[in-house]
Amino acid sequence: MPTIYLSIGNSDNKLTQEQWSWYVKDMHALVFQWSLNTHGIWFSEASSQYQNACWCLDVMSSVIPAMKRDLAHLAHTYQQDSIAWMQGTTEFILAAKDERE
C-alpha cells in the first residue's frame, strides 16, 4: 500500500482567496474519496506570502490511475499547471536501546 503526499499551491496568485478555499475543499474531498488512511494535512503558515497545502495518505495501488486522472481534472478546473505527487513506501524504524547508555 503506497503512501502518497499531495501538494497544491497558489504562489502565483492565479486564484482569489475564495477560489483557493474552494480548490482546497475540492482537493480535500478527493483525498477522502480515495484514501484508506489519512496521516496528516498541512497548510502554509498563516502570515506567509504563499498559499500551500499538503495531504499524506495511503491508497490501494489499483486506484492510482483513476486518482491521477481526477487530480489532473481538478488542476485544470482551477487553472493550475500541476499538482505535486510524491509516492513512497513507509518504513518503520524499530525502537532500540542506545548502545552508549
Protein backbone atom coordinates (compact mmCIF):
# COMPACT_ATOMS: atom_id res chain seq x y z
CA MET A 1 0.00 0.00 0.00
CA PRO A 2 1.76 3.18 -1.17
CA THR A 3 1.91 6.34 0.88
CA ILE A 4 1.24 9.47 -1.17
CA TYR A 5 1.94 13.12 -0.43
CA LEU A 6 -0.16 15.54 -2.49
CA SER A 7 0.66 19.25 -2.57
CA ILE A 8 -1.15 22.20 -4.10
CA GLY A 9 -0.30 25.86 -4.06
CA ASN A 10 -1.32 29.31 -5.17
CA SER A 11 2.04 31.07 -5.00
CA ASP A 12 1.46 32.69 -8.39
CA ASN A 13 -1.81 34.21 -7.11
CA LYS A 14 -3.85 32.89 -10.04
CA LEU A 15 -6.67 32.18 -7.59
CA THR A 16 -8.53 34.63 -5.40
CA GLN A 17 -8.84 33.73 -1.72
CA GLU A 18 -12.36 32.42 -2.36
CA GLN A 19 -11.20 30.30 -5.33
CA TRP A 20 -8.28 28.97 -3.26
CA SER A 21 -10.68 27.92 -0.49
CA TRP A 22 -12.84 26.02 -3.00
CA TYR A 23 -9.75 24.39 -4.52
CA VAL A 24 -8.66 23.19 -1.07
CA LYS A 25 -12.18 21.89 -0.30
CA ASP A 26 -12.36 20.02 -3.61
CA MET A 27 -8.88 18.55 -3.08
CA HIS A 28 -9.85 17.52 0.43
CA ALA A 29 -12.94 15.72 -0.93
CA LEU A 30 -10.81 13.82 -3.47
CA VAL A 31 -8.30 12.82 -0.81
CA PHE A 32 -11.01 11.35 1.38
CA GLN A 33 -12.67 9.67 -1.60
CA TRP A 34 -9.50 7.71 -2.43
CA SER A 35 -7.71 7.45 0.92
CA LEU A 36 -7.58 4.31 3.04
CA ASN A 37 -5.83 6.27 5.81
CA THR A 38 -5.07 9.96 6.01
CA HIS A 39 -2.00 10.69 8.12
CA GLY A 40 -1.98 14.46 8.04
CA ILE A 41 -2.97 17.70 6.38
CA TRP A 42 -0.70 20.74 6.44
CA PHE A 43 -1.04 24.33 5.31
CA SER A 44 1.46 27.13 4.86
CA GLU A 45 1.88 29.41 7.85
CA ALA A 46 -0.92 32.00 8.01
CA SER A 47 1.33 35.05 7.55
CA SER A 48 3.27 33.50 4.66
CA GLN A 49 3.08 35.25 1.31
CA TYR A 50 2.48 31.82 -0.23
CA GLN A 51 -0.58 29.57 -0.07
CA ASN A 52 0.21 25.86 0.01
CA ALA A 53 -1.43 22.70 1.28
CA CYS A 54 -0.24 19.10 1.62
CA TRP A 55 -2.01 15.81 2.38
CA CYS A 56 -0.41 12.48 3.35
CA LEU A 57 -2.49 9.37 2.66
CA ASP A 58 -2.39 5.66 1.96
CA VAL A 59 -4.12 4.31 -1.14
CA MET A 60 -4.58 0.98 -2.88
CA SER A 61 -2.23 0.70 -5.85
CA SER A 62 -5.16 -0.24 -8.07
CA VAL A 63 -6.81 3.20 -7.70
CA ILE A 64 -3.74 5.27 -8.59
CA PRO A 65 -4.53 5.70 -12.33
CA ALA A 66 -8.09 6.90 -11.62
CA MET A 67 -6.88 9.10 -8.80
CA LYS A 68 -4.29 10.76 -11.06
CA ARG A 69 -6.99 11.41 -13.68
CA ASP A 70 -9.18 13.08 -11.03
CA LEU A 71 -6.25 15.20 -9.83
CA ALA A 72 -5.40 16.28 -13.38
CA HIS A 73 -9.01 17.33 -13.90
CA LEU A 74 -9.00 19.24 -10.61
CA ALA A 75 -5.80 21.08 -11.56
CA HIS A 76 -7.36 22.05 -14.89
CA THR A 77 -10.58 23.20 -13.21
CA TYR A 78 -8.61 25.65 -11.06
CA GLN A 79 -6.25 26.81 -13.86
CA GLN A 80 -3.26 25.13 -12.21
CA ASP A 81 -0.29 23.72 -14.13
CA SER A 82 0.07 20.69 -11.86
CA ILE A 83 -0.46 19.02 -8.51
CA ALA A 84 2.64 17.60 -6.80
CA TRP A 85 2.57 13.83 -6.21
CA MET A 86 5.23 12.10 -4.10
CA GLN A 87 4.89 8.37 -3.62
CA GLY A 88 6.86 6.11 -1.33
CA THR A 89 6.80 3.13 0.95
CA THR A 90 6.64 3.72 4.68
CA GLU A 91 9.45 2.13 6.65
CA PHE A 92 9.20 1.67 10.40
CA ILE A 93 12.38 2.19 12.42
CA LEU A 94 12.11 -0.12 15.41
CA ALA A 95 12.96 1.17 18.85
CA ALA A 96 16.39 0.15 20.13
CA LYS A 97 18.34 0.93 23.24
CA ASP A 98 21.22 3.32 22.70
CA GLU A 99 24.42 1.24 22.95
CA ARG A 100 26.16 4.22 24.60
CA GLU A 101 23.95 4.09 27.69
